[in-house]
Amino acid sequence: MIHVLDPTNEMKAAGIAQAARPSSLAGKTVGFISNGKEGTKAYFGHLDRMLREELGVAEVVWRTKSNYSAPADAHIVAEINNWHAVVTGVGD
């Protein structure tokens, strides 16, 4: 007899609501949070240009975590309330 186990966890965190999505990014501020690896630089650079030129984003704020494998630093998390949207990236 073979037993097949499914290791996935389909439980959802209770009490966490998704953030409201802006109807437009024109004139807004977008924050980038990088894990600090080399691969995010070119991607974020291209995305920065696209957001400004094609969607009218007013400002793009770049932040880099101090440790690529840890959560974002407290001072970065504190800034998120000043941004209208956030992009995080892994440069692997």
N, C-alpha and C. Protein backbone atom coordinates (compact mmCIF):
# COMPACT_ATOMS: atom_id res chain seq x y z
N MET A 1 0.84 -1.18 0.00
CA MET A 1 0.00 0.00 0.00
C MET A 1 0.89 1.25 0.00
N ILE A 2 0.54 2.23 -0.80
CA ILE A 2 1.28 3.49 -0.89
C ILE A 2 0.40 4.60 -0.33
N HIS A 3 0.97 5.40 0.57
CA HIS A 3 0.28 6.56 1.11
C HIS A 3 0.90 7.81 0.51
N VAL A 4 0.09 8.65 -0.10
CA VAL A 4 0.56 9.89 -0.68
C VAL A 4 0.11 11.02 0.23
N LEU A 5 1.05 11.83 0.67
CA LEU A 5 0.76 12.94 1.55
C LEU A 5 0.90 14.25 0.80
N ASP A 6 -0.01 15.17 1.05
CA ASP A 6 0.02 16.48 0.43
C ASP A 6 0.61 17.47 1.44
N PRO A 7 1.81 18.01 1.18
CA PRO A 7 2.46 18.89 2.17
C PRO A 7 1.97 20.33 2.14
N THR A 8 1.07 20.67 1.24
CA THR A 8 0.64 22.07 1.16
C THR A 8 -0.27 22.44 2.31
N ASN A 9 -0.27 23.69 2.64
CA ASN A 9 -1.10 24.22 3.71
C ASN A 9 -2.04 25.25 3.09
N GLU A 10 -3.29 24.95 3.07
CA GLU A 10 -4.28 25.85 2.46
C GLU A 10 -4.93 26.79 3.47
N MET A 11 -4.45 26.79 4.70
CA MET A 11 -5.03 27.66 5.70
C MET A 11 -4.68 29.12 5.39
N LYS A 12 -5.62 29.98 5.62
CA LYS A 12 -5.39 31.41 5.41
C LYS A 12 -5.29 32.09 6.77
N ALA A 13 -4.46 33.10 6.85
CA ALA A 13 -4.31 33.84 8.10
C ALA A 13 -5.62 34.56 8.41
N ALA A 14 -6.06 34.47 9.61
CA ALA A 14 -7.30 35.11 10.03
C ALA A 14 -7.08 36.58 10.31
N GLY A 15 -8.05 37.38 9.94
CA GLY A 15 -8.03 38.79 10.29
C GLY A 15 -7.13 39.68 9.46
N ILE A 16 -6.60 39.17 8.36
CA ILE A 16 -5.73 40.00 7.52
C ILE A 16 -6.46 40.30 6.23
N ALA A 17 -6.76 41.56 6.02
CA ALA A 17 -7.45 41.98 4.81
C ALA A 17 -6.44 42.53 3.81
N GLN A 18 -6.70 42.32 2.54
CA GLN A 18 -5.82 42.89 1.52
C GLN A 18 -5.96 44.40 1.51
N ALA A 19 -4.88 45.07 1.16
CA ALA A 19 -4.90 46.52 1.05
C ALA A 19 -5.75 46.94 -0.13
N ALA A 20 -6.38 48.09 -0.02
CA ALA A 20 -7.17 48.63 -1.13
C ALA A 20 -6.25 48.95 -2.30
N ARG A 21 -6.69 48.64 -3.48
CA ARG A 21 -5.90 48.90 -4.68
C ARG A 21 -6.25 50.27 -5.26
N PRO A 22 -5.24 51.08 -5.58
CA PRO A 22 -5.55 52.39 -6.19
C PRO A 22 -6.12 52.19 -7.59
N SER A 23 -7.04 53.05 -7.98
CA SER A 23 -7.62 52.94 -9.32
C SER A 23 -6.64 53.38 -10.39
N SER A 24 -5.66 54.18 -10.00
CA SER A 24 -4.64 54.68 -10.92
C SER A 24 -3.36 54.94 -10.12
N LEU A 25 -2.22 54.85 -10.79
CA LEU A 25 -0.96 55.21 -10.15
C LEU A 25 -0.47 56.60 -10.55
N ALA A 26 -1.22 57.27 -11.39
CA ALA A 26 -0.83 58.61 -11.84
C ALA A 26 -0.72 59.55 -10.65
N GLY A 27 0.44 60.22 -10.55
CA GLY A 27 0.68 61.17 -9.48
C GLY A 27 0.96 60.54 -8.13
N LYS A 28 1.07 59.24 -8.07
CA LYS A 28 1.25 58.53 -6.81
C LYS A 28 2.73 58.21 -6.54
N THR A 29 2.99 57.71 -5.33
CA THR A 29 4.32 57.27 -4.92
C THR A 29 4.31 55.76 -4.80
N VAL A 30 5.31 55.12 -5.41
CA VAL A 30 5.46 53.68 -5.34
C VAL A 30 6.78 53.37 -4.65
N GLY A 31 6.76 52.46 -3.71
CA GLY A 31 7.97 52.05 -3.01
C GLY A 31 8.47 50.71 -3.52
N PHE A 32 9.77 50.60 -3.71
CA PHE A 32 10.42 49.34 -4.07
C PHE A 32 11.19 48.86 -2.85
N ILE A 33 11.00 47.61 -2.48
CA ILE A 33 11.78 47.01 -1.41
C ILE A 33 12.54 45.84 -2.01
N SER A 34 13.85 45.99 -2.07
CA SER A 34 14.72 44.99 -2.67
C SER A 34 15.32 44.09 -1.59
N ASN A 35 15.61 42.86 -1.97
CA ASN A 35 16.30 41.98 -1.04
C ASN A 35 17.81 42.25 -1.06
N GLY A 36 18.26 43.12 -1.93
CA GLY A 36 19.66 43.52 -1.98
C GLY A 36 20.53 42.72 -2.92
N LYS A 37 19.94 41.74 -3.57
CA LYS A 37 20.73 40.95 -4.50
C LYS A 37 20.81 41.66 -5.85
N GLU A 38 21.87 41.37 -6.57
CA GLU A 38 22.17 42.06 -7.83
C GLU A 38 21.03 42.02 -8.85
N GLY A 39 20.30 40.92 -8.89
CA GLY A 39 19.26 40.75 -9.90
C GLY A 39 18.10 41.72 -9.82
N THR A 40 17.89 42.36 -8.69
CA THR A 40 16.77 43.30 -8.59
C THR A 40 17.07 44.66 -9.21
N LYS A 41 18.32 45.03 -9.32
CA LYS A 41 18.66 46.39 -9.78
C LYS A 41 18.14 46.68 -11.19
N ALA A 42 18.46 45.83 -12.14
CA ALA A 42 18.03 46.07 -13.53
C ALA A 42 16.52 45.97 -13.66
N TYR A 43 15.93 44.98 -12.99
CA TYR A 43 14.47 44.81 -13.05
C TYR A 43 13.77 46.04 -12.48
N PHE A 44 14.16 46.46 -11.29
CA PHE A 44 13.54 47.62 -10.68
C PHE A 44 13.81 48.89 -11.50
N GLY A 45 14.99 49.00 -12.09
CA GLY A 45 15.28 50.16 -12.94
C GLY A 45 14.33 50.24 -14.12
N HIS A 46 14.11 49.11 -14.77
CA HIS A 46 13.18 49.06 -15.91
C HIS A 46 11.75 49.36 -15.44
N LEU A 47 11.35 48.76 -14.34
CA LEU A 47 10.01 48.98 -13.81
C LEU A 47 9.82 50.43 -13.39
N ASP A 48 10.84 51.04 -12.82
CA ASP A 48 10.80 52.46 -12.43
C ASP A 48 10.48 53.32 -13.66
N ARG A 49 11.22 53.10 -14.75
CA ARG A 49 10.98 53.87 -15.98
C ARG A 49 9.56 53.65 -16.51
N MET A 50 9.11 52.41 -16.54
CA MET A 50 7.77 52.11 -17.04
C MET A 50 6.69 52.78 -16.19
N LEU A 51 6.82 52.70 -14.89
CA LEU A 51 5.83 53.30 -14.01
C LEU A 51 5.74 54.81 -14.21
N ARG A 52 6.89 55.46 -14.35
CA ARG A 52 6.89 56.91 -14.54
C ARG A 52 6.38 57.31 -15.93
N GLU A 53 6.89 56.64 -16.97
CA GLU A 53 6.57 57.03 -18.35
C GLU A 53 5.19 56.57 -18.80
N GLU A 54 4.80 55.37 -18.42
CA GLU A 54 3.55 54.82 -18.94
C GLU A 54 2.35 55.00 -18.01
N LEU A 55 2.61 55.07 -16.71
CA LEU A 55 1.50 55.18 -15.76
C LEU A 55 1.48 56.49 -15.00
N GLY A 56 2.46 57.35 -15.25
CA GLY A 56 2.46 58.68 -14.63
C GLY A 56 2.77 58.71 -13.15
N VAL A 57 3.49 57.70 -12.65
CA VAL A 57 3.88 57.69 -11.24
C VAL A 57 4.76 58.91 -10.97
N ALA A 58 4.48 59.61 -9.89
CA ALA A 58 5.21 60.83 -9.56
C ALA A 58 6.56 60.54 -8.92
N GLU A 59 6.61 59.54 -8.05
CA GLU A 59 7.86 59.27 -7.33
C GLU A 59 8.00 57.77 -7.09
N VAL A 60 9.22 57.28 -7.23
CA VAL A 60 9.55 55.89 -6.90
C VAL A 60 10.63 55.93 -5.82
N VAL A 61 10.34 55.30 -4.69
CA VAL A 61 11.26 55.28 -3.56
C VAL A 61 11.90 53.89 -3.52
N TRP A 62 13.22 53.86 -3.52
CA TRP A 62 13.97 52.59 -3.48
C TRP A 62 14.50 52.36 -2.08
N ARG A 63 14.24 51.15 -1.54
CA ARG A 63 14.80 50.76 -0.25
C ARG A 63 15.35 49.34 -0.39
N THR A 64 16.41 49.05 0.36
CA THR A 64 17.04 47.73 0.33
C THR A 64 17.12 47.19 1.75
N LYS A 65 16.67 45.96 1.91
CA LYS A 65 16.74 45.31 3.22
C LYS A 65 18.21 45.10 3.60
N SER A 66 18.48 45.12 4.90
CA SER A 66 19.86 44.93 5.36
C SER A 66 20.28 43.46 5.30
N ASN A 67 19.31 42.56 5.27
CA ASN A 67 19.60 41.13 5.21
C ASN A 67 18.61 40.51 4.23
N TYR A 68 19.10 39.93 3.16
CA TYR A 68 18.23 39.42 2.11
C TYR A 68 17.27 38.32 2.57
N SER A 69 17.60 37.60 3.62
CA SER A 69 16.76 36.49 4.04
C SER A 69 15.84 36.83 5.21
N ALA A 70 15.88 38.05 5.68
CA ALA A 70 15.06 38.47 6.82
C ALA A 70 13.93 39.40 6.34
N PRO A 71 12.94 39.61 7.18
CA PRO A 71 11.89 40.58 6.83
C PRO A 71 12.50 41.98 6.68
N ALA A 72 11.73 42.86 6.06
CA ALA A 72 12.19 44.24 5.89
C ALA A 72 12.45 44.88 7.25
N ASP A 73 13.45 45.74 7.30
CA ASP A 73 13.82 46.44 8.52
C ASP A 73 12.67 47.34 8.99
N ALA A 74 12.59 47.56 10.28
CA ALA A 74 11.50 48.34 10.87
C ALA A 74 11.38 49.73 10.27
N HIS A 75 12.52 50.39 9.99
CA HIS A 75 12.44 51.74 9.42
C HIS A 75 11.87 51.72 8.00
N ILE A 76 12.07 50.64 7.26
CA ILE A 76 11.48 50.52 5.92
C ILE A 76 9.98 50.27 6.06
N VAL A 77 9.60 49.36 6.93
CA VAL A 77 8.18 49.07 7.14
C VAL A 77 7.44 50.33 7.57
N ALA A 78 8.06 51.15 8.38
CA ALA A 78 7.43 52.39 8.84
C ALA A 78 7.15 53.36 7.70
N GLU A 79 7.95 53.30 6.64
CA GLU A 79 7.76 54.19 5.49
C GLU A 79 6.60 53.78 4.59
N ILE A 80 6.20 52.53 4.65
CA ILE A 80 5.20 52.01 3.71
C ILE A 80 3.91 52.81 3.74
N ASN A 81 3.53 53.32 4.90
CA ASN A 81 2.30 54.12 4.98
C ASN A 81 2.36 55.39 4.16
N ASN A 82 3.56 55.81 3.74
CA ASN A 82 3.71 57.01 2.92
C ASN A 82 3.61 56.71 1.42
N TRP A 83 3.51 55.46 1.06
CA TRP A 83 3.48 55.06 -0.34
C TRP A 83 2.07 54.58 -0.72
N HIS A 84 1.74 54.73 -1.99
CA HIS A 84 0.43 54.29 -2.48
C HIS A 84 0.46 52.83 -2.95
N ALA A 85 1.63 52.35 -3.29
CA ALA A 85 1.80 50.95 -3.72
C ALA A 85 3.22 50.53 -3.39
N VAL A 86 3.42 49.21 -3.23
CA VAL A 86 4.73 48.68 -2.88
C VAL A 86 5.04 47.49 -3.79
N VAL A 87 6.29 47.45 -4.27
CA VAL A 87 6.77 46.32 -5.05
C VAL A 87 7.94 45.73 -4.28
N THR A 88 7.91 44.43 -4.05
CA THR A 88 9.05 43.77 -3.44
C THR A 88 9.68 42.86 -4.46
N GLY A 89 10.98 42.62 -4.31
CA GLY A 89 11.65 41.81 -5.31
C GLY A 89 12.74 40.96 -4.74
N VAL A 90 12.91 39.82 -5.38
CA VAL A 90 13.96 38.88 -5.05
C VAL A 90 14.87 38.77 -6.26
N GLY A 91 16.15 39.04 -6.07
CA GLY A 91 17.08 39.09 -7.20
C GLY A 91 17.77 37.78 -7.51
N ASP A 92 17.14 36.66 -7.26
CA ASP A 92 17.73 35.37 -7.58
C ASP A 92 17.40 34.95 -8.99
